């Protein structure tokens, strides 16, 4: 029996046309489908277009809107394909991973490095592959499909700005590869349901990447304006304390003001372990800090925004962040 899918178009390079001031998303969802008419033989496809944005202009409320569309249409379709700009697609994918949990139906994000109108483009293949995966009997959960790869949504990271091989799966195997119109699985996932939807995020989160000699006073601004800060430490989890230990005291000030502090690493692969060196061990033990380990920064931001919006106090936030969702805390 043919699957029924919903294509949700949101803009991005895949839907862009050239203008005087650069590429601009203008193509509709129906126009995108017209570029790959052969997929009509794979499944039945309906379309919806909630907005048409360059992904640089995407905000958390846009992703919440996507979740509401999927929730409202969930019983009417066998799967969902979202076209999205690549620059913030990893953030979008990770956010949907936390807002749509335990889904037995596939939700797939894709896009392209070159507009679908161009001759030498990756757009047609990416969109065709995303639909192929979403229509597969064994597809489930939230994934990103790009350059023939199926990547778990919370493990995707954009690692190249121009190449068609734009996304990598960080510290987790690719779920599948698509070759010759067939899905070949490396990992057989199972999400038996029931699906659980969330529709709230708290976006008052900032990311600080440590640099040598950074003035600790920068964290005073964070204390006044953010509900949480994700700090990308050096290497496996190094945090400077210099001569007067001011940076450590500023972290304590944040925590006393109920600003959540989560440490990760600014290195893409192999994660963090703050207890390995004294420069991480001392501050983690002093404040019982939260650590992201092998999570990507995009996934950390998404989980923090989700946990903030769904917790009433510091203790509940800590419990939500530390509780594994799928494969996020290996």
Protein backbone atom coordinates (compact mmCIF):
# COMPACT_ATOMS: atom_id res chain seq x y z
CA UNK A 1 0.00 0.00 0.00
CA UNK A 2 1.39 3.40 -1.02
CA UNK A 3 2.53 5.68 1.79
CA UNK A 4 1.08 9.14 2.25
CA UNK A 5 3.58 11.88 3.11
CA UNK A 6 3.36 15.56 3.95
CA UNK A 7 6.05 17.84 2.52
CA UNK A 8 6.55 20.91 4.72
CA UNK A 9 8.55 23.59 2.88
CA UNK A 10 10.18 26.35 4.91
CA UNK A 11 12.54 28.05 2.45
CA UNK A 12 16.32 27.82 2.43
CA UNK A 13 18.81 27.50 -0.41
CA UNK A 14 16.88 24.60 -1.92
CA UNK A 15 14.00 26.98 -2.68
CA UNK A 16 16.06 30.06 -3.58
CA UNK A 17 16.28 32.08 -6.76
CA UNK A 18 18.94 34.68 -7.59
CA UNK A 19 18.09 38.31 -6.90
CA UNK A 20 20.04 41.56 -7.09
CA UNK A 21 21.08 41.26 -3.47
CA UNK A 22 21.78 37.51 -3.45
CA UNK A 23 19.89 34.23 -3.34
CA UNK A 24 16.45 34.52 -1.76
CA UNK A 25 13.92 31.76 -0.88
CA UNK A 26 10.99 32.15 -3.28
CA UNK A 27 9.98 28.74 -4.65
CA UNK A 28 6.85 27.09 -3.31
CA UNK A 29 6.50 23.54 -2.06
CA UNK A 30 4.61 22.57 -5.22
CA UNK A 31 7.37 24.00 -7.39
CA UNK A 32 9.91 21.90 -5.51
CA UNK A 33 7.90 18.73 -6.14
CA UNK A 34 7.57 19.57 -9.82
CA UNK A 35 11.36 19.32 -10.08
CA UNK A 36 11.26 15.62 -9.08
CA UNK A 37 8.03 14.28 -10.66
CA UNK A 38 9.27 10.69 -10.38
CA UNK A 39 8.60 10.60 -6.62
CA UNK A 40 4.86 10.58 -7.31
CA UNK A 41 5.29 6.89 -8.14
CA UNK A 42 6.80 6.23 -4.71
CA UNK A 43 4.03 7.65 -2.58
CA UNK A 44 1.22 10.12 -2.32
CA UNK A 45 2.49 13.57 -1.31
CA UNK A 46 0.63 16.62 -0.04
CA UNK A 47 2.35 19.93 0.64
CA UNK A 48 2.15 22.83 3.04
CA UNK A 49 4.27 25.97 3.29
CA UNK A 50 4.10 27.75 6.66
CA UNK A 51 6.85 30.24 5.71
CA UNK A 52 9.63 30.82 3.20
CA UNK A 53 12.75 31.90 5.07
CA UNK A 54 16.49 31.88 4.76
CA UNK A 55 17.43 29.59 7.65
CA UNK A 56 19.62 32.34 9.11
CA UNK A 57 16.34 34.02 10.01
CA UNK A 58 14.85 30.90 11.64
CA UNK A 59 13.95 31.13 15.32
CA UNK A 60 12.74 28.58 17.86
CA UNK A 61 9.13 29.70 17.42
CA UNK A 62 9.35 28.66 13.76
CA UNK A 63 10.31 25.13 14.80
CA UNK A 64 7.49 25.05 17.35
CA UNK A 65 5.15 25.95 14.48
CA UNK A 66 6.47 22.96 12.50
CA UNK A 67 5.80 20.70 15.46
CA UNK A 68 2.23 21.96 15.71
CA UNK A 69 1.68 21.20 12.01
CA UNK A 70 3.05 17.67 12.43
CA UNK A 71 1.02 17.08 15.59
CA UNK A 72 -2.21 18.25 13.93
CA UNK A 73 -1.55 16.11 10.81
CA UNK A 74 0.08 13.14 12.54
CA UNK A 75 -2.79 10.69 12.15
CA UNK A 76 -3.38 11.65 8.51
CA UNK A 77 0.10 10.88 7.17
CA UNK A 78 2.66 8.08 7.30
CA UNK A 79 5.65 10.43 7.39
CA UNK A 80 6.82 14.01 7.09
CA UNK A 81 9.56 15.68 5.03
CA UNK A 82 10.75 19.19 5.92
CA UNK A 83 12.83 21.25 3.49
CA UNK A 84 15.01 23.70 5.41
CA UNK A 85 18.04 25.91 4.89
CA UNK A 86 21.33 24.24 5.79
CA UNK A 87 22.89 26.96 7.94
CA UNK A 88 20.64 26.27 10.94
CA UNK A 89 19.34 22.84 9.93
CA UNK A 90 21.37 21.08 12.63
CA UNK A 91 19.71 23.29 15.25
CA UNK A 92 16.29 22.61 13.70
CA UNK A 93 16.90 18.86 13.59
CA UNK A 94 18.09 18.72 17.20
CA UNK A 95 15.16 20.84 18.37
CA UNK A 96 12.62 18.59 16.65
CA UNK A 97 14.39 15.61 18.20
CA UNK A 98 13.37 16.89 21.65
CA UNK A 99 9.97 18.31 20.70
CA UNK A 100 8.82 15.11 18.96
CA UNK A 101 9.86 12.07 20.98
CA UNK A 102 9.34 8.36 20.41
CA UNK A 103 7.75 8.80 16.98
CA UNK A 104 7.03 5.55 15.10
CA UNK A 105 6.55 7.71 11.98
CA UNK A 106 9.54 9.35 10.26
CA UNK A 107 10.14 13.08 10.36
CA UNK A 108 12.91 13.93 7.89
CA UNK A 109 14.76 17.19 7.30
CA UNK A 110 16.65 17.95 4.11
CA UNK A 111 17.89 20.84 2.03
CA UNK A 112 20.70 21.60 -0.37
CA UNK A 113 23.90 23.53 -0.91
CA UNK A 114 22.74 24.71 -4.35
CA UNK A 115 19.23 25.81 -5.33
CA UNK A 116 17.00 23.27 -7.02
CA UNK A 117 16.66 25.59 -10.05
CA UNK A 118 20.39 25.24 -10.85
CA UNK A 119 21.74 22.64 -13.25
CA UNK A 120 24.54 21.28 -11.04
CA UNK A 121 22.63 20.96 -7.80
CA UNK A 122 22.35 18.49 -4.96
CA UNK A 123 18.78 19.57 -4.27
CA UNK A 124 16.93 17.07 -6.43
CA UNK A 125 18.84 14.09 -5.09
CA UNK A 126 18.53 15.22 -1.47
CA UNK A 127 14.79 15.80 -1.74
CA UNK A 128 14.28 12.54 -3.62
CA UNK A 129 16.30 10.65 -1.00
CA UNK A 130 14.44 12.27 1.89
CA UNK A 131 11.12 11.19 0.38
CA UNK A 132 12.50 7.72 -0.33
CA UNK A 133 13.55 7.33 3.30
CA UNK A 134 10.31 8.76 4.70
CA UNK A 135 8.33 6.28 2.56
CA UNK A 136 10.37 3.28 3.69
CA UNK A 137 8.56 0.74 5.89
CA UNK A 138 11.34 0.71 8.50
CA UNK A 139 11.82 4.48 8.78
CA UNK A 140 10.95 6.10 12.10
CA UNK A 141 12.07 8.89 14.42
CA UNK A 142 13.66 12.22 13.56
CA UNK A 143 16.47 12.29 10.99
CA UNK A 144 18.38 14.47 8.58
CA UNK A 145 18.92 13.15 5.04
CA UNK A 146 21.73 14.73 3.06
CA UNK A 147 24.22 13.55 0.44
CA UNK A 148 22.79 10.00 0.53
CA UNK A 149 23.25 9.76 4.31
CA UNK A 150 20.59 9.30 6.98
CA UNK A 151 21.80 10.99 10.17
CA UNK A 152 20.16 10.91 13.58
CA UNK A 153 18.76 14.41 14.12
CA UNK A 154 20.57 15.11 17.39
CA UNK A 155 23.94 13.99 15.96
CA UNK A 156 23.98 16.10 12.81
CA UNK A 157 26.37 19.01 12.43
CA UNK A 158 27.16 21.15 9.41
CA UNK A 159 30.90 20.69 8.87
CA UNK A 160 31.34 22.11 5.34
CA UNK A 161 30.05 25.40 3.98
CA UNK A 162 30.02 24.60 0.26
CA UNK A 163 30.53 20.87 -0.39
CA UNK A 164 27.57 18.59 -1.06
CA UNK A 165 28.89 16.43 1.80
CA UNK A 166 27.85 19.21 4.17
CA UNK A 167 26.72 17.29 7.26
CA UNK A 168 28.49 14.84 9.51
CA UNK A 169 27.17 12.47 12.15
CA UNK A 170 29.08 13.34 15.32
CA UNK A 171 30.20 10.45 17.54
CA UNK A 172 27.39 8.22 16.31
CA UNK A 173 27.11 6.03 13.20
CA UNK A 174 24.99 7.08 10.25
CA UNK A 175 21.65 5.28 10.50
CA UNK A 176 21.46 4.37 6.81
CA UNK A 177 22.65 5.19 3.32
CA UNK A 178 20.49 5.58 0.22
CA UNK A 179 21.83 3.99 -2.96
CA UNK A 180 19.98 3.40 -6.20
CA UNK A 181 16.70 4.44 -4.66
CA UNK A 182 16.99 1.91 -1.84
CA UNK A 183 17.50 2.47 1.89
CA UNK A 184 20.32 0.35 3.26
CA UNK A 185 20.34 0.36 7.03
CA UNK A 186 23.37 0.28 9.30
CA UNK A 187 21.22 0.61 12.42
CA UNK A 188 17.67 -0.65 12.80
CA UNK A 189 15.89 1.77 15.09
CA UNK A 190 12.60 1.22 16.84
CA UNK A 191 10.22 3.80 18.29
CA UNK A 192 7.06 1.90 19.23
CA UNK A 193 5.21 4.99 20.41
CA UNK A 194 3.11 6.54 21.58
CA UNK A 195 4.61 9.70 20.15
CA UNK A 196 4.96 12.59 22.56
CA UNK A 197 4.84 16.20 21.41
CA UNK A 198 6.13 19.29 23.21
CA UNK A 199 5.34 22.83 22.12
CA UNK A 200 7.44 25.04 24.38
CA UNK A 201 11.03 26.28 24.24
CA UNK A 202 12.89 28.89 26.28
CA UNK A 203 15.32 30.60 23.91
CA UNK A 204 17.07 32.76 26.52
CA UNK A 205 20.15 30.60 26.11
CA UNK A 206 23.59 31.69 24.98
CA UNK A 207 26.73 29.86 23.91
CA UNK A 208 30.17 31.08 24.96
CA UNK A 209 33.27 29.70 23.32
CA UNK A 210 36.27 30.08 25.59
CA UNK A 211 39.34 31.78 24.17
CA UNK A 212 42.70 32.19 25.92
CA UNK A 213 42.63 35.17 28.26
CA UNK A 214 38.89 35.81 27.96
CA UNK A 215 37.71 38.39 30.49
CA UNK A 216 35.56 36.64 33.14
CA UNK A 217 33.45 39.79 33.46
CA UNK A 218 31.68 38.80 30.24
CA UNK A 219 29.71 36.36 32.37
CA UNK A 220 28.18 39.26 34.33
CA UNK A 221 26.17 40.17 31.24
CA UNK A 222 25.03 36.56 30.94
CA UNK A 223 23.84 36.60 34.56
CA UNK A 224 21.54 39.53 33.79
CA UNK A 225 20.12 38.39 30.46
CA UNK A 226 20.20 34.59 30.08
CA UNK A 227 18.39 31.70 31.71
CA UNK A 228 21.15 29.29 30.70
CA UNK A 229 24.64 29.38 29.23
CA UNK A 230 26.42 26.63 27.31
CA UNK A 231 30.18 27.03 27.69
CA UNK A 232 32.45 25.42 25.10
CA UNK A 233 35.57 24.57 27.07
CA UNK A 234 39.06 23.85 25.80
CA UNK A 235 39.84 20.33 24.61
CA UNK A 236 38.43 17.55 26.74
CA UNK A 237 37.05 20.01 29.29
CA UNK A 238 39.61 22.56 30.39
CA UNK A 239 38.42 25.72 32.17
CA UNK A 240 40.98 28.42 33.09
CA UNK A 241 41.43 29.66 36.63
CA UNK A 242 44.54 31.84 36.20
CA UNK A 243 45.91 33.62 39.29
CA UNK A 244 42.86 34.95 41.10
CA UNK A 245 40.36 32.24 40.09
CA UNK A 246 37.90 34.92 38.97
CA UNK A 247 36.41 32.76 36.23
CA UNK A 248 35.46 30.08 38.75
CA UNK A 249 33.82 32.68 40.97
CA UNK A 250 31.83 34.07 38.04
CA UNK A 251 30.46 30.58 37.35
CA UNK A 252 29.38 30.40 40.98
CA UNK A 253 27.67 33.78 40.61
CA UNK A 254 25.69 32.49 37.64
CA UNK A 255 24.52 29.44 39.55
CA UNK A 256 23.54 31.45 42.61
CA UNK A 257 21.38 33.56 40.29
CA UNK A 258 19.70 30.39 38.96
CA UNK A 259 21.34 30.65 35.55
CA UNK A 260 21.90 27.10 34.34
CA UNK A 261 25.49 26.36 33.30
CA UNK A 262 26.30 23.47 30.98
CA UNK A 263 29.82 22.64 29.85
CA UNK A 264 30.71 21.04 26.55
CA UNK A 265 33.80 21.06 24.34
CA UNK A 266 34.60 23.24 21.35
CA UNK A 267 36.08 20.18 19.62
CA UNK A 268 33.63 18.42 17.27
CA UNK A 269 34.50 14.80 17.95
CA UNK A 270 35.03 12.52 20.96
CA UNK A 271 33.29 14.69 23.54
CA UNK A 272 34.32 16.07 26.90
CA UNK A 273 35.48 14.63 30.21
CA UNK A 274 36.06 17.47 32.64
CA UNK A 275 37.41 15.17 35.34
CA UNK A 276 40.42 14.11 33.29
CA UNK A 277 42.52 17.23 34.02
CA UNK A 278 42.73 19.43 37.08
CA UNK A 279 41.64 22.47 35.05
CA UNK A 280 38.25 20.83 34.58
CA UNK A 281 38.00 18.59 37.63
CA UNK A 282 38.24 21.35 40.23
CA UNK A 283 35.41 23.51 38.91
CA UNK A 284 33.11 20.61 38.05
CA UNK A 285 33.39 19.13 41.53
CA UNK A 286 33.07 22.48 43.27
CA UNK A 287 29.71 23.26 41.65
CA UNK A 288 28.52 19.80 40.51
CA UNK A 289 28.36 21.20 36.98
CA UNK A 290 26.34 19.71 34.16
CA UNK A 291 28.43 18.29 31.34
CA UNK A 292 27.35 17.39 27.79
CA UNK A 293 29.99 14.74 27.01
CA UNK A 294 29.49 13.64 23.37
CA UNK A 295 26.46 15.80 22.58
CA UNK A 296 26.88 18.35 19.80
CA UNK A 297 26.56 22.01 20.73
CA UNK A 298 23.39 22.16 18.62
CA UNK A 299 21.88 19.27 20.58
CA UNK A 300 22.91 20.80 23.90
CA UNK A 301 21.24 24.10 23.00
CA UNK A 302 18.09 22.30 21.89
CA UNK A 303 17.87 20.15 25.01
CA UNK A 304 18.52 23.12 27.29
CA UNK A 305 15.80 25.20 25.60
CA UNK A 306 13.40 22.25 25.89
CA UNK A 307 14.32 21.48 29.51
CA UNK A 308 14.04 25.13 30.58
CA UNK A 309 10.53 25.38 29.15
CA UNK A 310 9.42 22.12 30.75
CA UNK A 311 10.85 22.45 34.27
CA UNK A 312 9.71 24.43 37.25
CA UNK A 313 13.01 24.76 39.14
CA UNK A 314 16.74 24.03 39.07
CA UNK A 315 16.34 20.48 40.33
CA UNK A 316 13.76 19.54 37.73
CA UNK A 317 15.87 21.12 34.97
CA UNK A 318 18.88 19.10 36.08
CA UNK A 319 16.85 15.89 36.05
CA UNK A 320 15.50 16.58 32.55
CA UNK A 321 18.91 17.42 31.15
CA UNK A 322 20.54 14.33 32.65
CA UNK A 323 17.77 11.95 31.59
CA UNK A 324 18.70 10.33 28.26
CA UNK A 325 16.46 11.03 25.29
CA UNK A 326 17.24 8.40 22.70
CA UNK A 327 20.99 8.27 22.10
CA UNK A 328 21.89 11.75 23.35
CA UNK A 329 23.86 10.67 26.42
CA UNK A 330 26.09 7.80 25.40
